Amino acid sequence: MKNILLLLFFIGFSFVKSQNTYEEIIQNDHKEYIGDINKKAKIKVVFDSVSLEKKDLEIYKVSGNSDVEGSKAKFSGTINFNDKKTKELNNSSFRVYDFRFFEDGTGKHNGVFSGNMIFKILSEKIIIIGFEGFWENYEKSLKFPVYFDNTNVILKNNS
């Protein structure tokens, strides 16, 4: 009986450790994700905090800030595991998440980022995370495609 309890403890501990690792990986060592919005303007995104929601082990609450060519905004939102899209890829090295980030402010250039986050495991040390979707302002008068990823950090760390 003691051995079973001990085994369950270690399984639970390793699960919690792996979840913390996902949080740390998404946070990207507080380094910028870099990409573009509307295939023209450069965007930089930094996550200040990433935490697993207690009631649902596949939802992460996030906060951070974006910088589009000097125009900065704080945001908060969620990243949710998408089991259906992940299974459709039929590749165990990919995980697909849905994201929604709400920027602070109410101006014409404040809005919502939404789309998919693709989590690609290439090796134990190399994990690519890309965000692809749209940014739409709260007035719904502007909507642009957006993409940003962590490849700038991976290339720097592995060169």
C-alpha atoms as a PDB file:
ATOM      1  CA  MET A   1       0.000   0.000   0.000  1.00  0.00           C
ATOM      2  CA  LYS A   2       2.841   2.417   0.851  1.00  0.00           C
ATOM      3  CA  ASN A   3       4.465   1.692  -2.505  1.00  0.00           C
ATOM      4  CA  ILE A   4       1.243   2.537  -4.354  1.00  0.00           C
ATOM      5  CA  LEU A   5       0.881   5.823  -2.453  1.00  0.00           C
ATOM      6  CA  LEU A   6       4.505   6.660  -3.105  1.00  0.00           C
ATOM      7  CA  LEU A   7       4.074   5.900  -6.816  1.00  0.00           C
ATOM      8  CA  LEU A   8       0.949   8.089  -7.008  1.00  0.00           C
ATOM      9  CA  PHE A   9       2.838  10.905  -5.276  1.00  0.00           C
ATOM     10  CA  PHE A  10       5.673  10.768  -7.836  1.00  0.00           C
ATOM     11  CA  ILE A  11       3.243  10.594 -10.781  1.00  0.00           C
ATOM     12  CA  GLY A  12       1.373  13.623  -9.422  1.00  0.00           C
ATOM     13  CA  PHE A  13       4.627  15.500  -8.802  1.00  0.00           C
ATOM     14  CA  SER A  14       5.930  14.842 -12.322  1.00  0.00           C
ATOM     15  CA  PHE A  15       2.590  16.007 -13.800  1.00  0.00           C
ATOM     16  CA  VAL A  16       2.766  19.274 -11.846  1.00  0.00           C
ATOM     17  CA  LYS A  17       6.412  19.708 -12.877  1.00  0.00           C
ATOM     18  CA  SER A  18       5.553  19.208 -16.560  1.00  0.00           C
ATOM     19  CA  GLN A  19       2.741  21.776 -16.315  1.00  0.00           C
ATOM     20  CA  ASN A  20       5.125  24.291 -14.735  1.00  0.00           C
ATOM     21  CA  THR A  21       7.485  23.607 -17.601  1.00  0.00           C
ATOM     22  CA  TYR A  22       4.748  24.509 -20.125  1.00  0.00           C
ATOM     23  CA  GLU A  23       4.165  27.763 -18.247  1.00  0.00           C
ATOM     24  CA  GLU A  24       7.884  28.558 -18.329  1.00  0.00           C
ATOM     25  CA  ILE A  25       8.189  27.592 -21.994  1.00  0.00           C
ATOM     26  CA  ILE A  26       5.254  29.800 -23.021  1.00  0.00           C
ATOM     27  CA  GLN A  27       6.722  32.664 -20.989  1.00  0.00           C
ATOM     28  CA  ASN A  28       9.859  32.331 -23.161  1.00  0.00           C
ATOM     29  CA  ASP A  29      12.257  33.473 -20.390  1.00  0.00           C
ATOM     30  CA  HIS A  30      10.530  36.895 -20.539  1.00  0.00           C
ATOM     31  CA  LYS A  31      12.038  37.362 -24.004  1.00  0.00           C
ATOM     32  CA  GLU A  32      10.135  38.788 -26.960  1.00  0.00           C
ATOM     33  CA  TYR A  33       8.148  36.845 -29.487  1.00  0.00           C
ATOM     34  CA  ILE A  34       8.650  38.664 -32.797  1.00  0.00           C
ATOM     35  CA  GLY A  35       6.459  38.804 -35.881  1.00  0.00           C
ATOM     36  CA  ASP A  36       4.272  41.081 -37.925  1.00  0.00           C
ATOM     37  CA  ILE A  37       0.787  42.489 -38.070  1.00  0.00           C
ATOM     38  CA  ASN A  38      -0.892  42.969 -41.440  1.00  0.00           C
ATOM     39  CA  LYS A  39       2.342  41.613 -43.005  1.00  0.00           C
ATOM     40  CA  LYS A  40       3.813  45.122 -42.686  1.00  0.00           C
ATOM     41  CA  ALA A  41       4.266  46.385 -39.152  1.00  0.00           C
ATOM     42  CA  LYS A  42       6.666  44.612 -36.787  1.00  0.00           C
ATOM     43  CA  ILE A  43       5.206  43.307 -33.530  1.00  0.00           C
ATOM     44  CA  LYS A  44       6.926  42.244 -30.314  1.00  0.00           C
ATOM     45  CA  VAL A  45       5.052  40.357 -27.589  1.00  0.00           C
ATOM     46  CA  VAL A  46       6.278  39.563 -24.070  1.00  0.00           C
ATOM     47  CA  PHE A  47       4.434  37.475 -21.484  1.00  0.00           C
ATOM     48  CA  ASP A  48       4.866  38.849 -17.961  1.00  0.00           C
ATOM     49  CA  SER A  49       2.957  35.967 -16.373  1.00  0.00           C
ATOM     50  CA  VAL A  50       1.589  32.590 -17.422  1.00  0.00           C
ATOM     51  CA  SER A  51      -0.329  30.468 -14.941  1.00  0.00           C
ATOM     52  CA  LEU A  52      -2.326  27.296 -15.172  1.00  0.00           C
ATOM     53  CA  GLU A  53      -5.955  27.740 -14.192  1.00  0.00           C
ATOM     54  CA  LYS A  54      -6.663  25.545 -11.161  1.00  0.00           C
ATOM     55  CA  LYS A  55     -10.109  24.344 -12.258  1.00  0.00           C
ATOM     56  CA  ASP A  56      -9.039  23.374 -15.783  1.00  0.00           C
ATOM     57  CA  LEU A  57      -5.593  21.911 -16.434  1.00  0.00           C
ATOM     58  CA  GLU A  58      -5.619  22.902 -20.103  1.00  0.00           C
ATOM     59  CA  ILE A  59      -6.290  26.645 -19.724  1.00  0.00           C
ATOM     60  CA  TYR A  60      -3.498  29.120 -19.094  1.00  0.00           C
ATOM     61  CA  LYS A  61      -4.153  32.680 -17.908  1.00  0.00           C
ATOM     62  CA  VAL A  62      -1.639  35.119 -19.358  1.00  0.00           C
ATOM     63  CA  SER A  63      -0.706  38.771 -19.137  1.00  0.00           C
ATOM     64  CA  GLY A  64       1.905  40.744 -20.969  1.00  0.00           C
ATOM     65  CA  ASN A  65       2.469  43.558 -23.392  1.00  0.00           C
ATOM     66  CA  SER A  66       2.653  44.125 -27.111  1.00  0.00           C
ATOM     67  CA  ASP A  67       4.694  46.657 -29.043  1.00  0.00           C
ATOM     68  CA  VAL A  68       3.721  47.494 -32.625  1.00  0.00           C
ATOM     69  CA  GLU A  69       6.362  49.860 -33.942  1.00  0.00           C
ATOM     70  CA  GLY A  70       6.508  51.802 -30.678  1.00  0.00           C
ATOM     71  CA  SER A  71       2.786  51.693 -29.887  1.00  0.00           C
ATOM     72  CA  LYS A  72       2.655  49.689 -26.646  1.00  0.00           C
ATOM     73  CA  ALA A  73      -0.298  48.047 -24.899  1.00  0.00           C
ATOM     74  CA  LYS A  74      -0.758  45.751 -21.929  1.00  0.00           C
ATOM     75  CA  PHE A  75      -2.992  42.713 -22.401  1.00  0.00           C
ATOM     76  CA  SER A  76      -4.454  39.761 -20.529  1.00  0.00           C
ATOM     77  CA  GLY A  77      -6.244  36.664 -21.704  1.00  0.00           C
ATOM     78  CA  THR A  78      -6.181  32.901 -22.053  1.00  0.00           C
ATOM     79  CA  ILE A  79      -4.509  30.105 -23.971  1.00  0.00           C
ATOM     80  CA  ASN A  80      -6.715  26.976 -24.199  1.00  0.00           C
ATOM     81  CA  PHE A  81      -5.626  23.506 -25.328  1.00  0.00           C
ATOM     82  CA  ASN A  82      -7.561  22.431 -28.449  1.00  0.00           C
ATOM     83  CA  ASP A  83      -7.737  18.647 -28.330  1.00  0.00           C
ATOM     84  CA  LYS A  84      -9.663  18.341 -31.618  1.00  0.00           C
ATOM     85  CA  LYS A  85      -7.212  20.394 -33.703  1.00  0.00           C
ATOM     86  CA  THR A  86      -4.246  18.636 -32.062  1.00  0.00           C
ATOM     87  CA  LYS A  87      -5.645  15.187 -32.942  1.00  0.00           C
ATOM     88  CA  GLU A  88      -6.359  16.310 -36.530  1.00  0.00           C
ATOM     89  CA  LEU A  89      -2.635  16.999 -37.026  1.00  0.00           C
ATOM     90  CA  ASN A  90      -1.914  13.341 -36.210  1.00  0.00           C
ATOM     91  CA  ASN A  91       1.599  14.250 -35.049  1.00  0.00           C
ATOM     92  CA  SER A  92       2.597  13.820 -31.406  1.00  0.00           C
ATOM     93  CA  SER A  93       5.223  16.585 -31.589  1.00  0.00           C
ATOM     94  CA  PHE A  94       2.506  19.247 -32.147  1.00  0.00           C
ATOM     95  CA  ARG A  95      -0.005  20.718 -29.702  1.00  0.00           C
ATOM     96  CA  VAL A  96      -2.601  23.283 -30.799  1.00  0.00           C
ATOM     97  CA  TYR A  97      -4.068  25.929 -28.506  1.00  0.00           C
ATOM     98  CA  ASP A  98      -6.610  28.721 -29.015  1.00  0.00           C
ATOM     99  CA  PHE A  99      -5.671  32.148 -27.688  1.00  0.00           C
ATOM    100  CA  ARG A 100      -7.503  35.405 -26.900  1.00  0.00           C
ATOM    101  CA  PHE A 101      -5.638  38.411 -25.520  1.00  0.00           C
ATOM    102  CA  PHE A 102      -7.547  41.586 -24.601  1.00  0.00           C
ATOM    103  CA  GLU A 103      -5.569  44.828 -24.682  1.00  0.00           C
ATOM    104  CA  ASP A 104      -6.082  47.483 -22.011  1.00  0.00           C
ATOM    105  CA  GLY A 105      -7.558  50.740 -23.291  1.00  0.00           C
ATOM    106  CA  THR A 106     -10.459  51.744 -25.485  1.00  0.00           C
ATOM    107  CA  GLY A 107      -8.814  53.699 -28.308  1.00  0.00           C
ATOM    108  CA  LYS A 108      -8.920  52.949 -32.021  1.00  0.00           C
ATOM    109  CA  HIS A 109      -5.637  51.035 -31.711  1.00  0.00           C
ATOM    110  CA  ASN A 110      -6.677  48.796 -28.804  1.00  0.00           C
ATOM    111  CA  GLY A 111      -8.348  45.470 -29.383  1.00  0.00           C
ATOM    112  CA  VAL A 112      -8.215  41.685 -29.235  1.00  0.00           C
ATOM    113  CA  PHE A 113      -5.629  39.201 -30.475  1.00  0.00           C
ATOM    114  CA  SER A 114      -7.155  35.800 -31.274  1.00  0.00           C
ATOM    115  CA  GLY A 115      -6.176  32.668 -33.151  1.00  0.00           C
ATOM    116  CA  ASN A 116      -4.103  29.531 -32.705  1.00  0.00           C
ATOM    117  CA  MET A 117      -0.892  28.910 -30.838  1.00  0.00           C
ATOM    118  CA  ILE A 118       1.119  26.025 -32.296  1.00  0.00           C
ATOM    119  CA  PHE A 119       3.497  24.286 -29.913  1.00  0.00           C
ATOM    120  CA  LYS A 120       6.088  22.239 -31.882  1.00  0.00           C
ATOM    121  CA  ILE A 121       8.573  20.051 -30.012  1.00  0.00           C
ATOM    122  CA  LEU A 122      11.679  19.472 -32.149  1.00  0.00           C
ATOM    123  CA  SER A 123      13.848  18.133 -29.326  1.00  0.00           C
ATOM    124  CA  GLU A 124      14.124  18.332 -25.566  1.00  0.00           C
ATOM    125  CA  LYS A 125      15.849  21.709 -25.884  1.00  0.00           C
ATOM    126  CA  ILE A 126      14.167  23.141 -28.991  1.00  0.00           C
ATOM    127  CA  ILE A 127      10.480  24.036 -28.843  1.00  0.00           C
ATOM    128  CA  ILE A 128       8.968  26.423 -31.364  1.00  0.00           C
ATOM    129  CA  ILE A 129       5.881  28.373 -30.365  1.00  0.00           C
ATOM    130  CA  GLY A 130       4.015  30.355 -32.990  1.00  0.00           C
ATOM    131  CA  PHE A 131       0.890  32.487 -32.650  1.00  0.00           C
ATOM    132  CA  GLU A 132      -1.205  33.017 -35.768  1.00  0.00           C
ATOM    133  CA  GLY A 133      -4.544  34.733 -36.047  1.00  0.00           C
ATOM    134  CA  PHE A 134      -5.997  38.224 -36.114  1.00  0.00           C
ATOM    135  CA  TRP A 135      -5.961  41.469 -34.214  1.00  0.00           C
ATOM    136  CA  GLU A 136      -9.261  43.370 -34.281  1.00  0.00           C
ATOM    137  CA  ASN A 137      -9.930  46.686 -32.576  1.00  0.00           C
ATOM    138  CA  TYR A 138     -12.818  47.008 -30.126  1.00  0.00           C
ATOM    139  CA  GLU A 139     -14.693  49.308 -32.538  1.00  0.00           C
ATOM    140  CA  LYS A 140     -14.517  46.516 -35.159  1.00  0.00           C
ATOM    141  CA  SER A 141     -13.288  49.052 -37.736  1.00  0.00           C
ATOM    142  CA  LEU A 142      -9.797  47.493 -38.085  1.00  0.00           C
ATOM    143  CA  LYS A 143      -8.886  43.821 -38.462  1.00  0.00           C
ATOM    144  CA  PHE A 144      -5.441  42.546 -39.457  1.00  0.00           C
ATOM    145  CA  PRO A 145      -3.696  39.175 -39.679  1.00  0.00           C
ATOM    146  CA  VAL A 146      -1.039  38.716 -37.013  1.00  0.00           C
ATOM    147  CA  TYR A 147       1.825  36.259 -36.528  1.00  0.00           C
ATOM    148  CA  PHE A 148       4.599  36.086 -33.938  1.00  0.00           C
ATOM    149  CA  ASP A 149       6.896  33.322 -32.707  1.00  0.00           C
ATOM    150  CA  ASN A 150       9.942  32.553 -30.569  1.00  0.00           C
ATOM    151  CA  THR A 151      12.350  31.516 -33.347  1.00  0.00           C
ATOM    152  CA  ASN A 152      14.512  34.595 -32.717  1.00  0.00           C
ATOM    153  CA  VAL A 153      15.279  33.251 -29.214  1.00  0.00           C
ATOM    154  CA  ILE A 154      15.843  29.682 -30.434  1.00  0.00           C
ATOM    155  CA  LEU A 155      18.245  30.763 -33.176  1.00  0.00           C
ATOM    156  CA  LYS A 156      20.171  32.968 -30.762  1.00  0.00           C
ATOM    157  CA  ASN A 157      20.417  30.221 -28.108  1.00  0.00           C
ATOM    158  CA  ASN A 158      21.560  27.559 -30.585  1.00  0.00           C
ATOM    159  CA  SER A 159      24.082  29.469 -32.672  1.00  0.00           C
END
